[in-house]
């Protein structure tokens, strides 16, 4: 127990900051609050430093791209229907998109994994690449409010949870555990919203 407390005290402030901003960002996204994107950007910037510090280069590159994707999501969620022609609502990903996303994840895992492995420095390159590819899919799906984003997050977060647990980076272990719990909550809440909208539409058409 004393060793665990000592390890917690030795953890840098940026790890705690990444944890807190990430948790707040995911919670606000579950509630469809636009402010979530600001916290996501703060979290991603923090994890750029953390991931390169620990040697997870795909994870670091992912967070660099995520800063831009978060900006896109922030913009997309703030656009009124009058400007975009349709309001972004919680929905299922179209069947065609699912196959495209699945192929993109497979290609990303092989391509990014090969690049990381060729450096000779990256740790667990193909697992890192797979988690990264799933997270890219999740972030894109979240920006479009597709409910499947939560499934992609869960898969990605499970992989990185194992990484950080093995490295004993306890704030990140806690963060990704909370991420998984919030992703499950997001799935259930968004599923209920889809069902409620479908029921309302059926009653209106009747």
N, C-alpha and C. Protein backbone atom coordinates (compact mmCIF):
# COMPACT_ATOMS: atom_id res chain seq x y z
N UNK A 1 0.84 -1.21 0.00
CA UNK A 1 0.00 0.00 0.00
C UNK A 1 0.87 1.26 0.00
N UNK A 2 1.96 1.22 0.78
CA UNK A 2 2.85 2.37 0.84
C UNK A 2 3.48 2.64 -0.51
N UNK A 3 3.83 1.56 -1.25
CA UNK A 3 4.40 1.73 -2.58
C UNK A 3 3.41 2.38 -3.53
N UNK A 4 2.14 1.97 -3.42
CA UNK A 4 1.09 2.52 -4.27
C UNK A 4 0.93 4.02 -4.01
N UNK A 5 0.91 4.41 -2.75
CA UNK A 5 0.77 5.83 -2.38
C UNK A 5 1.97 6.61 -2.88
N UNK A 6 3.16 6.02 -2.75
CA UNK A 6 4.37 6.70 -3.20
C UNK A 6 4.35 6.90 -4.71
N UNK A 7 3.84 5.91 -5.44
CA UNK A 7 3.74 6.03 -6.90
C UNK A 7 2.76 7.13 -7.28
N UNK A 8 1.65 7.23 -6.54
CA UNK A 8 0.68 8.28 -6.83
C UNK A 8 1.29 9.67 -6.60
N UNK A 9 2.07 9.80 -5.55
CA UNK A 9 2.68 11.09 -5.25
C UNK A 9 3.72 11.48 -6.30
N UNK A 10 4.32 10.47 -6.92
CA UNK A 10 5.36 10.74 -7.92
C UNK A 10 4.81 11.09 -9.29
N UNK A 11 3.51 10.92 -9.47
CA UNK A 11 2.89 11.18 -10.77
C UNK A 11 2.83 12.67 -11.04
N UNK A 12 3.15 13.07 -12.27
CA UNK A 12 3.19 14.48 -12.62
C UNK A 12 1.80 15.08 -12.71
N UNK A 13 1.77 16.40 -12.61
CA UNK A 13 0.49 17.11 -12.65
C UNK A 13 -0.20 16.96 -14.00
N UNK A 14 0.58 16.83 -15.08
CA UNK A 14 -0.04 16.75 -16.40
C UNK A 14 -0.85 15.46 -16.55
N UNK A 15 -0.42 14.38 -15.85
CA UNK A 15 -1.19 13.14 -15.90
C UNK A 15 -2.56 13.33 -15.22
N UNK A 16 -2.54 14.02 -14.09
CA UNK A 16 -3.81 14.28 -13.40
C UNK A 16 -4.69 15.23 -14.21
N UNK A 17 -4.06 16.23 -14.83
CA UNK A 17 -4.82 17.18 -15.65
C UNK A 17 -5.47 16.47 -16.82
N UNK A 18 -4.72 15.58 -17.49
CA UNK A 18 -5.28 14.81 -18.60
C UNK A 18 -6.46 13.97 -18.15
N UNK A 19 -6.32 13.37 -16.96
CA UNK A 19 -7.39 12.53 -16.43
C UNK A 19 -8.67 13.35 -16.21
N UNK A 20 -8.54 14.48 -15.54
CA UNK A 20 -9.72 15.28 -15.18
C UNK A 20 -10.40 15.87 -16.41
N UNK A 21 -9.61 16.44 -17.32
CA UNK A 21 -10.23 17.03 -18.52
C UNK A 21 -10.87 15.96 -19.40
N UNK A 22 -10.25 14.78 -19.45
CA UNK A 22 -10.83 13.69 -20.24
C UNK A 22 -12.15 13.22 -19.70
N UNK A 23 -12.23 13.06 -18.38
CA UNK A 23 -13.47 12.60 -17.76
C UNK A 23 -14.59 13.62 -17.98
N UNK A 24 -14.27 14.89 -17.76
CA UNK A 24 -15.28 15.94 -17.96
C UNK A 24 -15.73 15.98 -19.41
N UNK A 25 -14.78 15.85 -20.34
CA UNK A 25 -15.12 15.88 -21.76
C UNK A 25 -16.05 14.76 -22.16
N UNK A 26 -15.75 13.53 -21.72
CA UNK A 26 -16.61 12.40 -22.08
C UNK A 26 -17.99 12.56 -21.46
N UNK A 27 -18.04 12.98 -20.19
CA UNK A 27 -19.35 13.16 -19.53
C UNK A 27 -20.20 14.18 -20.27
N UNK A 28 -19.59 15.30 -20.65
CA UNK A 28 -20.35 16.33 -21.36
C UNK A 28 -20.78 15.86 -22.75
N UNK A 29 -19.96 15.01 -23.40
CA UNK A 29 -20.35 14.50 -24.71
C UNK A 29 -21.52 13.53 -24.61
N UNK A 30 -21.57 12.76 -23.52
CA UNK A 30 -22.71 11.88 -23.29
C UNK A 30 -24.00 12.70 -23.22
N UNK A 31 -23.89 13.88 -22.59
CA UNK A 31 -25.03 14.78 -22.44
C UNK A 31 -25.24 15.69 -23.64
N UNK A 32 -24.43 15.49 -24.70
CA UNK A 32 -24.50 16.29 -25.93
C UNK A 32 -24.24 17.78 -25.69
N UNK A 33 -23.31 18.08 -24.78
CA UNK A 33 -22.95 19.46 -24.50
C UNK A 33 -21.75 19.86 -25.35
N UNK A 34 -21.89 20.95 -26.08
CA UNK A 34 -20.83 21.40 -26.98
C UNK A 34 -19.53 21.71 -26.25
N UNK A 35 -19.61 22.11 -24.99
CA UNK A 35 -18.43 22.44 -24.21
C UNK A 35 -17.48 21.24 -24.07
N UNK A 36 -18.01 20.05 -24.32
CA UNK A 36 -17.17 18.84 -24.24
C UNK A 36 -15.93 18.96 -25.10
N UNK A 37 -16.07 19.59 -26.27
CA UNK A 37 -14.94 19.64 -27.21
C UNK A 37 -13.78 20.46 -26.68
N UNK A 38 -14.04 21.47 -25.88
CA UNK A 38 -12.95 22.25 -25.29
C UNK A 38 -12.15 21.38 -24.33
N UNK A 39 -12.85 20.59 -23.51
CA UNK A 39 -12.16 19.71 -22.58
C UNK A 39 -11.43 18.59 -23.32
N UNK A 40 -11.99 18.12 -24.43
CA UNK A 40 -11.30 17.11 -25.23
C UNK A 40 -9.97 17.66 -25.75
N UNK A 41 -9.98 18.88 -26.24
CA UNK A 41 -8.75 19.48 -26.77
C UNK A 41 -7.68 19.58 -25.69
N UNK A 42 -8.08 20.02 -24.49
CA UNK A 42 -7.14 20.10 -23.38
C UNK A 42 -6.57 18.72 -23.03
N UNK A 43 -7.44 17.72 -23.04
CA UNK A 43 -7.02 16.35 -22.74
C UNK A 43 -6.05 15.83 -23.80
N UNK A 44 -6.39 16.04 -25.07
CA UNK A 44 -5.56 15.54 -26.16
C UNK A 44 -4.18 16.18 -26.16
N UNK A 45 -4.12 17.48 -25.91
CA UNK A 45 -2.83 18.16 -25.85
C UNK A 45 -1.97 17.57 -24.73
N UNK A 46 -2.59 17.27 -23.60
CA UNK A 46 -1.86 16.67 -22.48
C UNK A 46 -1.33 15.29 -22.86
N UNK A 47 -2.16 14.51 -23.56
CA UNK A 47 -1.76 13.15 -23.90
C UNK A 47 -0.75 13.10 -25.05
N UNK A 48 -0.60 14.17 -25.79
CA UNK A 48 0.48 14.23 -26.78
C UNK A 48 1.82 14.10 -26.03
N UNK A 49 1.93 14.85 -24.96
CA UNK A 49 3.15 14.78 -24.16
C UNK A 49 3.30 13.43 -23.48
N UNK A 50 2.23 12.95 -22.85
CA UNK A 50 2.30 11.70 -22.08
C UNK A 50 2.65 10.51 -22.97
N UNK A 51 2.01 10.43 -24.14
CA UNK A 51 2.21 9.27 -25.01
C UNK A 51 3.63 9.22 -25.57
N UNK A 52 4.19 10.35 -25.97
CA UNK A 52 5.56 10.35 -26.46
C UNK A 52 6.55 10.10 -25.33
N UNK A 53 6.20 10.53 -24.15
CA UNK A 53 7.04 10.25 -22.99
C UNK A 53 7.15 8.75 -22.71
N UNK A 54 6.03 8.04 -22.93
CA UNK A 54 5.99 6.61 -22.63
C UNK A 54 6.33 5.73 -23.82
N UNK A 55 6.50 6.30 -25.01
CA UNK A 55 6.90 5.53 -26.17
C UNK A 55 5.75 4.97 -26.99
N UNK A 56 4.53 5.44 -26.75
CA UNK A 56 3.38 5.00 -27.55
C UNK A 56 3.16 6.02 -28.66
N UNK A 57 3.90 5.85 -29.75
CA UNK A 57 3.95 6.88 -30.77
C UNK A 57 2.66 7.00 -31.57
N UNK A 58 2.00 5.86 -31.83
CA UNK A 58 0.72 5.94 -32.53
C UNK A 58 -0.31 6.69 -31.70
N UNK A 59 -0.28 6.45 -30.40
CA UNK A 59 -1.18 7.14 -29.49
C UNK A 59 -0.90 8.63 -29.49
N UNK A 60 0.39 8.99 -29.54
CA UNK A 60 0.75 10.40 -29.59
C UNK A 60 0.30 11.05 -30.89
N UNK A 61 0.55 10.37 -32.01
CA UNK A 61 0.11 10.89 -33.29
C UNK A 61 -1.40 11.02 -33.36
N UNK A 62 -2.08 10.04 -32.77
CA UNK A 62 -3.54 10.07 -32.74
C UNK A 62 -4.03 11.33 -32.03
N UNK A 63 -3.41 11.66 -30.91
CA UNK A 63 -3.88 12.82 -30.15
C UNK A 63 -3.58 14.13 -30.87
N UNK A 64 -2.51 14.17 -31.67
CA UNK A 64 -2.24 15.37 -32.47
C UNK A 64 -3.38 15.57 -33.46
N UNK A 65 -3.75 14.49 -34.16
CA UNK A 65 -4.86 14.57 -35.12
C UNK A 65 -6.17 14.88 -34.40
N UNK A 66 -6.34 14.32 -33.21
CA UNK A 66 -7.58 14.51 -32.46
C UNK A 66 -7.84 15.97 -32.10
N UNK A 67 -6.78 16.74 -31.94
CA UNK A 67 -6.98 18.17 -31.66
C UNK A 67 -7.74 18.81 -32.82
N UNK A 68 -7.34 18.47 -34.04
CA UNK A 68 -8.04 19.00 -35.21
C UNK A 68 -9.42 18.43 -35.36
N UNK A 69 -9.58 17.12 -35.11
CA UNK A 69 -10.90 16.49 -35.22
C UNK A 69 -11.85 17.07 -34.18
N UNK A 70 -11.32 17.35 -32.99
CA UNK A 70 -12.16 17.96 -31.95
C UNK A 70 -12.64 19.34 -32.37
N UNK A 71 -11.75 20.08 -33.06
CA UNK A 71 -12.17 21.38 -33.58
C UNK A 71 -13.30 21.23 -34.58
N UNK A 72 -13.20 20.19 -35.43
CA UNK A 72 -14.28 19.91 -36.40
C UNK A 72 -15.56 19.54 -35.67
N UNK A 73 -15.47 18.69 -34.67
CA UNK A 73 -16.65 18.30 -33.92
C UNK A 73 -17.30 19.48 -33.21
N UNK A 74 -16.46 20.36 -32.66
CA UNK A 74 -16.96 21.57 -31.99
C UNK A 74 -17.74 22.41 -33.00
N UNK A 75 -17.15 22.59 -34.17
CA UNK A 75 -17.82 23.37 -35.22
C UNK A 75 -19.14 22.70 -35.64
N UNK A 76 -19.10 21.39 -35.85
CA UNK A 76 -20.27 20.67 -36.34
C UNK A 76 -21.42 20.73 -35.35
N UNK A 77 -21.11 20.60 -34.07
CA UNK A 77 -22.17 20.58 -33.05
C UNK A 77 -22.77 21.96 -32.82
N UNK A 78 -22.07 23.02 -33.22
CA UNK A 78 -22.58 24.36 -32.98
C UNK A 78 -23.36 24.93 -34.17
N UNK A 79 -23.41 24.20 -35.29
CA UNK A 79 -24.09 24.72 -36.46
C UNK A 79 -25.59 24.52 -36.36
N UNK A 80 -26.38 25.60 -36.48
CA UNK A 80 -27.84 25.47 -36.44
C UNK A 80 -28.36 24.82 -37.71
N UNK A 81 -29.55 24.23 -37.66
CA UNK A 81 -30.12 23.57 -38.85
C UNK A 81 -30.21 24.47 -40.07
N UNK A 82 -30.42 25.77 -39.84
CA UNK A 82 -30.61 26.68 -40.97
C UNK A 82 -29.34 26.81 -41.81
N UNK A 83 -28.17 26.54 -41.21
CA UNK A 83 -26.92 26.69 -41.94
C UNK A 83 -26.45 25.39 -42.57
N UNK A 84 -26.77 24.27 -41.97
CA UNK A 84 -26.28 23.00 -42.48
C UNK A 84 -27.34 22.24 -43.26
N UNK A 85 -28.57 22.67 -43.16
CA UNK A 85 -29.65 21.98 -43.87
C UNK A 85 -30.28 20.89 -43.06
N UNK A 86 -29.57 20.35 -42.12
CA UNK A 86 -30.13 19.35 -41.22
C UNK A 86 -29.36 19.37 -39.91
N UNK A 87 -30.04 19.10 -38.85
CA UNK A 87 -29.43 19.10 -37.52
C UNK A 87 -28.76 17.76 -37.27
N UNK A 88 -27.56 17.80 -36.69
CA UNK A 88 -26.88 16.56 -36.34
C UNK A 88 -27.57 15.97 -35.12
N UNK A 89 -28.17 14.80 -35.29
CA UNK A 89 -28.88 14.13 -34.21
C UNK A 89 -28.27 12.78 -33.92
N UNK A 90 -28.49 12.29 -32.71
CA UNK A 90 -28.03 10.95 -32.34
C UNK A 90 -28.69 9.94 -33.26
N UNK A 91 -27.89 9.07 -33.85
CA UNK A 91 -28.42 8.10 -34.80
C UNK A 91 -27.47 6.92 -34.93
N UNK A 92 -27.94 5.86 -35.58
CA UNK A 92 -27.08 4.73 -35.90
C UNK A 92 -26.27 5.05 -37.16
N UNK A 93 -25.10 4.51 -37.23
CA UNK A 93 -24.27 4.67 -38.42
C UNK A 93 -24.90 3.88 -39.57
N UNK A 94 -25.02 4.46 -40.77
CA UNK A 94 -25.56 3.73 -41.92
C UNK A 94 -24.76 2.46 -42.18
N UNK A 95 -25.44 1.40 -42.65
CA UNK A 95 -24.80 0.10 -42.87
C UNK A 95 -23.57 0.21 -43.77
N UNK A 96 -23.68 1.02 -44.83
CA UNK A 96 -22.55 1.18 -45.74
C UNK A 96 -21.34 1.77 -45.03
N UNK A 97 -21.58 2.71 -44.15
CA UNK A 97 -20.50 3.34 -43.42
C UNK A 97 -19.81 2.35 -42.48
N UNK A 98 -20.58 1.41 -41.93
CA UNK A 98 -19.99 0.44 -40.99
C UNK A 98 -18.92 -0.39 -41.68
N UNK A 99 -19.19 -0.84 -42.89
CA UNK A 99 -18.21 -1.61 -43.63
C UNK A 99 -17.00 -0.77 -43.97
N UNK A 100 -17.23 0.49 -44.33
CA UNK A 100 -16.13 1.38 -44.66
C UNK A 100 -15.24 1.64 -43.44
N UNK A 101 -15.89 1.84 -42.29
CA UNK A 101 -15.14 2.06 -41.06
C UNK A 101 -14.35 0.82 -40.66
N UNK A 102 -14.98 -0.36 -40.81
CA UNK A 102 -14.30 -1.61 -40.47
C UNK A 102 -13.05 -1.80 -41.35
N UNK A 103 -13.16 -1.52 -42.63
CA UNK A 103 -12.02 -1.62 -43.53
C UNK A 103 -10.95 -0.60 -43.17
N UNK A 104 -11.38 0.60 -42.79
CA UNK A 104 -10.42 1.64 -42.42
C UNK A 104 -9.65 1.22 -41.16
N UNK A 105 -10.34 0.61 -40.20
CA UNK A 105 -9.67 0.15 -38.98
C UNK A 105 -8.65 -0.93 -39.31
N UNK A 106 -9.05 -1.87 -40.17
CA UNK A 106 -8.13 -2.95 -40.56
C UNK A 106 -6.90 -2.38 -41.28
N UNK A 107 -7.14 -1.47 -42.22
CA UNK A 107 -6.03 -0.87 -42.96
C UNK A 107 -5.14 -0.05 -42.04
N UNK A 108 -5.76 0.69 -41.13
CA UNK A 108 -4.98 1.51 -40.19
C UNK A 108 -4.14 0.65 -39.27
N UNK A 109 -4.70 -0.46 -38.81
CA UNK A 109 -3.95 -1.36 -37.92
C UNK A 109 -2.71 -1.91 -38.62
N UNK A 110 -2.90 -2.39 -39.85
CA UNK A 110 -1.78 -2.96 -40.60
C UNK A 110 -0.76 -1.90 -41.00
N UNK A 111 -1.28 -0.78 -41.54
CA UNK A 111 -0.38 0.27 -42.03
C UNK A 111 0.38 0.96 -40.92
N UNK A 112 -0.34 1.45 -39.92
CA UNK A 112 0.31 2.15 -38.81
C UNK A 112 1.18 1.18 -38.02
N UNK A 113 0.66 -0.04 -37.83
CA UNK A 113 1.44 -1.04 -37.09
C UNK A 113 2.76 -1.34 -37.76
N UNK A 114 2.74 -1.47 -39.09
CA UNK A 114 3.98 -1.75 -39.84
C UNK A 114 4.96 -0.58 -39.70
N UNK A 115 4.44 0.63 -39.82
CA UNK A 115 5.31 1.80 -39.70
C UNK A 115 5.95 1.87 -38.31
N UNK A 116 5.16 1.60 -37.28
CA UNK A 116 5.69 1.65 -35.92
C UNK A 116 6.71 0.54 -35.69
N UNK A 117 6.38 -0.66 -36.18
CA UNK A 117 7.29 -1.79 -36.01
C UNK A 117 8.62 -1.55 -36.72
N UNK A 118 8.58 -0.86 -37.84
CA UNK A 118 9.80 -0.63 -38.62
C UNK A 118 10.75 0.33 -37.93
N UNK A 119 10.26 1.12 -36.98
CA UNK A 119 11.14 2.04 -36.26
C UNK A 119 12.02 1.31 -35.26
N UNK A 120 11.53 0.17 -34.79
CA UNK A 120 12.29 -0.59 -33.80
C UNK A 120 12.24 0.01 -32.42
N UNK A 121 11.46 1.07 -32.22
CA UNK A 121 11.41 1.74 -30.92
C UNK A 121 10.02 1.67 -30.28
N UNK A 122 8.98 1.55 -31.09
CA UNK A 122 7.62 1.57 -30.56
C UNK A 122 7.33 0.28 -29.79
N UNK A 123 6.51 0.41 -28.77
CA UNK A 123 6.12 -0.73 -27.97
C UNK A 123 4.77 -1.25 -28.46
N UNK A 124 4.65 -2.58 -28.56
CA UNK A 124 3.41 -3.23 -28.97
C UNK A 124 2.80 -2.51 -30.17
N UNK A 125 3.52 -2.40 -31.27
CA UNK A 125 3.10 -1.54 -32.38
C UNK A 125 1.74 -1.86 -32.97
N UNK A 126 1.41 -3.13 -33.16
CA UNK A 126 0.14 -3.46 -33.81
C UNK A 126 -1.05 -3.28 -32.86
N UNK A 127 -0.85 -3.54 -31.58
CA UNK A 127 -1.91 -3.27 -30.61
C UNK A 127 -2.13 -1.77 -30.49
N UNK A 128 -1.03 -1.02 -30.46
CA UNK A 128 -1.11 0.44 -30.42
C UNK A 128 -1.84 0.96 -31.65
N UNK A 129 -1.50 0.40 -32.82
CA UNK A 129 -2.12 0.84 -34.07
C UNK A 129 -3.60 0.48 -34.12
N UNK A 130 -3.96 -0.70 -33.61
CA UNK A 130 -5.37 -1.11 -33.59
C UNK A 130 -6.19 -0.19 -32.70
N UNK A 131 -5.69 0.07 -31.50
CA UNK A 131 -6.40 0.96 -30.58
C UNK A 131 -6.52 2.36 -31.16
N UNK A 132 -5.46 2.80 -31.81
CA UNK A 132 -5.46 4.12 -32.44
C UNK A 132 -6.50 4.20 -33.55
N UNK A 133 -6.55 3.17 -34.39
CA UNK A 133 -7.51 3.14 -35.50
C UNK A 133 -8.94 3.13 -35.00
N UNK A 134 -9.19 2.37 -33.93
CA UNK A 134 -10.54 2.34 -33.34
C UNK A 134 -10.90 3.71 -32.77
N UNK A 135 -9.92 4.37 -32.17
CA UNK A 135 -10.17 5.69 -31.60
C UNK A 135 -10.45 6.72 -32.68
N UNK A 136 -9.74 6.63 -33.82
CA UNK A 136 -10.04 7.52 -34.93
C UNK A 136 -11.49 7.34 -35.39
N UNK A 137 -11.90 6.07 -35.52
CA UNK A 137 -13.27 5.78 -35.93
C UNK A 137 -14.26 6.33 -34.91
N UNK A 138 -13.93 6.17 -33.64
CA UNK A 138 -14.81 6.65 -32.58
C UNK A 138 -14.96 8.17 -32.61
N UNK A 139 -13.83 8.86 -32.80
CA UNK A 139 -13.87 10.32 -32.81
C UNK A 139 -14.68 10.84 -33.99
N UNK A 140 -14.49 10.22 -35.16
CA UNK A 140 -15.26 10.64 -36.33
C UNK A 140 -16.75 10.38 -36.09
N UNK A 141 -17.08 9.19 -35.57
CA UNK A 141 -18.49 8.85 -35.33
C UNK A 141 -19.11 9.77 -34.28
N UNK A 142 -18.31 10.17 -33.28
CA UNK A 142 -18.82 11.10 -32.27
C UNK A 142 -19.15 12.45 -32.88
N UNK A 143 -18.29 12.92 -33.79
CA UNK A 143 -18.55 14.22 -34.43
C UNK A 143 -19.84 14.21 -35.22
N UNK A 144 -20.25 13.02 -35.71
CA UNK A 144 -21.51 12.87 -36.44
C UNK A 144 -22.65 12.39 -35.56
N UNK A 145 -22.37 12.21 -34.26
CA UNK A 145 -23.34 11.71 -33.28
C UNK A 145 -23.88 10.33 -33.65
N UNK A 146 -23.03 9.47 -34.19
CA UNK A 146 -23.41 8.08 -34.42
C UNK A 146 -23.18 7.31 -33.12
N UNK A 147 -24.18 6.56 -32.70
CA UNK A 147 -24.12 5.86 -31.42
C UNK A 147 -22.98 4.85 -31.37
N UNK A 148 -22.57 4.34 -32.53
CA UNK A 148 -21.49 3.34 -32.56
C UNK A 148 -20.16 3.89 -32.05
N UNK A 149 -20.06 5.20 -31.94
CA UNK A 149 -18.81 5.77 -31.42
C UNK A 149 -18.47 5.20 -30.06
N UNK A 150 -19.48 4.91 -29.25
CA UNK A 150 -19.24 4.39 -27.90
C UNK A 150 -18.63 3.00 -27.93
N UNK A 151 -19.03 2.18 -28.89
CA UNK A 151 -18.45 0.85 -29.02
C UNK A 151 -16.98 0.93 -29.42
N UNK A 152 -16.66 1.82 -30.35
CA UNK A 152 -15.28 1.99 -30.76
C UNK A 152 -14.42 2.51 -29.61
N UNK A 153 -15.00 3.43 -28.83
CA UNK A 153 -14.25 3.95 -27.67
C UNK A 153 -13.96 2.84 -26.67
N UNK A 154 -14.93 1.98 -26.42
CA UNK A 154 -14.75 0.91 -25.44
C UNK A 154 -13.61 -0.01 -25.86
N UNK A 155 -13.58 -0.39 -27.13
CA UNK A 155 -12.53 -1.27 -27.63
C UNK A 155 -11.16 -0.61 -27.49
N UNK A 156 -11.06 0.63 -27.95
CA UNK A 156 -9.80 1.36 -27.88
C UNK A 156 -9.35 1.56 -26.44
N UNK A 157 -10.28 1.97 -25.59
CA UNK A 157 -9.94 2.25 -24.19
C UNK A 157 -9.48 1.00 -23.45
N UNK A 158 -10.05 -0.16 -23.79
CA UNK A 158 -9.63 -1.41 -23.14
C UNK A 158 -8.16 -1.71 -23.45
N UNK A 159 -7.76 -1.49 -24.69
CA UNK A 159 -6.36 -1.73 -25.07
C UNK A 159 -5.43 -0.79 -24.32
N UNK A 160 -5.76 0.50 -24.32
CA UNK A 160 -4.89 1.45 -23.65
C UNK A 160 -4.93 1.30 -22.13
N UNK A 161 -6.05 0.81 -21.60
CA UNK A 161 -6.13 0.54 -20.17
C UNK A 161 -5.07 -0.51 -19.78
N UNK A 162 -4.93 -1.55 -20.60
CA UNK A 162 -3.92 -2.56 -20.34
C UNK A 162 -2.51 -1.97 -20.43
N UNK A 163 -2.28 -1.13 -21.43
CA UNK A 163 -0.97 -0.48 -21.57
C UNK A 163 -0.61 0.29 -20.30
N UNK A 164 -1.50 1.16 -19.88
CA UNK A 164 -1.20 2.02 -18.74
C UNK A 164 -1.15 1.25 -17.43
N UNK A 165 -1.93 0.18 -17.34
CA UNK A 165 -1.88 -0.65 -16.14
C UNK A 165 -0.51 -1.33 -16.03
N UNK A 166 -0.01 -1.84 -17.13
CA UNK A 166 1.31 -2.48 -17.13
C UNK A 166 2.42 -1.49 -16.77
N UNK A 167 2.24 -0.22 -17.17
CA UNK A 167 3.24 0.81 -16.88
C UNK A 167 3.00 1.48 -15.52
N UNK A 168 1.90 1.09 -14.85
CA UNK A 168 1.56 1.65 -13.54
C UNK A 168 1.38 3.16 -13.58
N UNK A 169 0.78 3.65 -14.64
CA UNK A 169 0.43 5.07 -14.72
C UNK A 169 -0.99 5.18 -14.20
N UNK A 170 -1.11 5.28 -12.89
CA UNK A 170 -2.40 5.09 -12.23
C UNK A 170 -3.46 6.13 -12.60
N UNK A 171 -3.12 7.41 -12.78
CA UNK A 171 -4.17 8.35 -13.22
C UNK A 171 -4.77 7.96 -14.56
N UNK A 172 -3.93 7.46 -15.48
CA UNK A 172 -4.44 7.04 -16.79
C UNK A 172 -5.24 5.75 -16.67
N UNK A 173 -4.85 4.86 -15.75
CA UNK A 173 -5.64 3.65 -15.49
C UNK A 173 -7.03 4.05 -15.02
N UNK A 174 -7.07 4.99 -14.07
CA UNK A 174 -8.35 5.46 -13.56
C UNK A 174 -9.14 6.15 -14.66
N UNK A 175 -8.45 6.98 -15.45
CA UNK A 175 -9.10 7.72 -16.52
C UNK A 175 -9.77 6.77 -17.52
N UNK A 176 -9.03 5.78 -17.99
CA UNK A 176 -9.58 4.90 -19.02
C UNK A 176 -10.62 3.94 -18.46
N UNK A 177 -10.54 3.65 -17.17
CA UNK A 177 -11.62 2.88 -16.54
C UNK A 177 -12.90 3.70 -16.53
N UNK A 178 -12.77 4.97 -16.15
CA UNK A 178 -13.94 5.86 -16.15
C UNK A 178 -14.44 6.07 -17.58
N UNK A 179 -13.50 6.18 -18.55
CA UNK A 179 -13.90 6.31 -19.95
C UNK A 179 -14.81 5.16 -20.37
N UNK A 180 -14.43 3.94 -19.99
CA UNK A 180 -15.22 2.77 -20.38
C UNK A 180 -16.60 2.81 -19.73
N UNK A 181 -16.64 3.19 -18.47
CA UNK A 181 -17.93 3.29 -17.77
C UNK A 181 -18.81 4.36 -18.42
N UNK A 182 -18.22 5.51 -18.74
CA UNK A 182 -18.98 6.59 -19.37
C UNK A 182 -19.41 6.21 -20.79
N UNK A 183 -18.57 5.45 -21.48
CA UNK A 183 -18.94 4.99 -22.83
C UNK A 183 -20.15 4.07 -22.77
N UNK A 184 -20.19 3.20 -21.77
CA UNK A 184 -21.36 2.33 -21.57
C UNK A 184 -22.60 3.17 -21.27
N UNK A 185 -22.41 4.19 -20.43
CA UNK A 185 -23.52 5.10 -20.12
C UNK A 185 -23.96 5.84 -21.38
N UNK A 186 -22.99 6.29 -22.17
CA UNK A 186 -23.32 6.99 -23.41
C UNK A 186 -24.11 6.12 -24.36
N UNK A 187 -23.70 4.87 -24.50
CA UNK A 187 -24.42 3.94 -25.37
C UNK A 187 -25.87 3.79 -24.92
N UNK A 188 -26.08 3.60 -23.63
CA UNK A 188 -27.44 3.38 -23.12
C UNK A 188 -28.30 4.63 -23.26
N UNK A 189 -27.73 5.80 -22.96
CA UNK A 189 -28.51 7.04 -23.05
C UNK A 189 -28.83 7.38 -24.49
N UNK A 190 -27.86 7.22 -25.38
CA UNK A 190 -28.11 7.54 -26.79
C UNK A 190 -29.06 6.53 -27.41
N UNK A 191 -28.98 5.27 -27.00
CA UNK A 191 -29.91 4.27 -27.50
C UNK A 191 -31.33 4.62 -27.10
N UNK A 192 -31.50 5.10 -25.87
CA UNK A 192 -32.82 5.51 -25.39
C UNK A 192 -33.34 6.71 -26.19
N UNK A 193 -32.45 7.63 -26.56
CA UNK A 193 -32.86 8.80 -27.34
C UNK A 193 -33.32 8.38 -28.74
N UNK A 194 -32.60 7.43 -29.34
CA UNK A 194 -32.99 6.95 -30.66
C UNK A 194 -34.35 6.27 -30.60
N UNK A 195 -34.55 5.46 -29.57
CA UNK A 195 -35.83 4.76 -29.41
C UNK A 195 -36.97 5.74 -29.18
N UNK A 196 -36.72 6.77 -28.36
CA UNK A 196 -37.75 7.76 -28.08
C UNK A 196 -38.12 8.55 -29.33
N UNK A 197 -37.12 8.90 -30.14
CA UNK A 197 -37.39 9.63 -31.38
C UNK A 197 -38.16 8.77 -32.38
N UNK A 198 -37.82 7.48 -32.44
CA UNK A 198 -38.51 6.56 -33.35
C UNK A 198 -39.97 6.40 -32.91
N UNK A 199 -40.17 6.31 -31.59
CA UNK A 199 -41.53 6.16 -31.07
C UNK A 199 -42.36 7.40 -31.36
N UNK A 200 -41.74 8.58 -31.17
CA UNK A 200 -42.44 9.84 -31.45
C UNK A 200 -42.78 9.95 -32.92
N UNK A 201 -41.85 9.55 -33.79
CA UNK A 201 -42.09 9.61 -35.23
C UNK A 201 -43.21 8.67 -35.64
N UNK A 202 -43.28 7.49 -35.01
CA UNK A 202 -44.33 6.52 -35.33
C UNK A 202 -45.70 7.05 -34.92
N UNK A 203 -45.72 7.72 -33.77
CA UNK A 203 -46.99 8.29 -33.30
C UNK A 203 -47.44 9.44 -34.19
N UNK A 204 -46.47 10.21 -34.67
CA UNK A 204 -46.81 11.34 -35.54
C UNK A 204 -47.36 10.86 -36.88
N UNK A 205 -46.77 9.77 -37.40
CA UNK A 205 -47.21 9.24 -38.70
C UNK A 205 -48.53 8.49 -38.61
N UNK A 206 -48.87 8.06 -37.40
CA UNK A 206 -50.12 7.26 -37.25
C UNK A 206 -51.36 8.11 -37.44
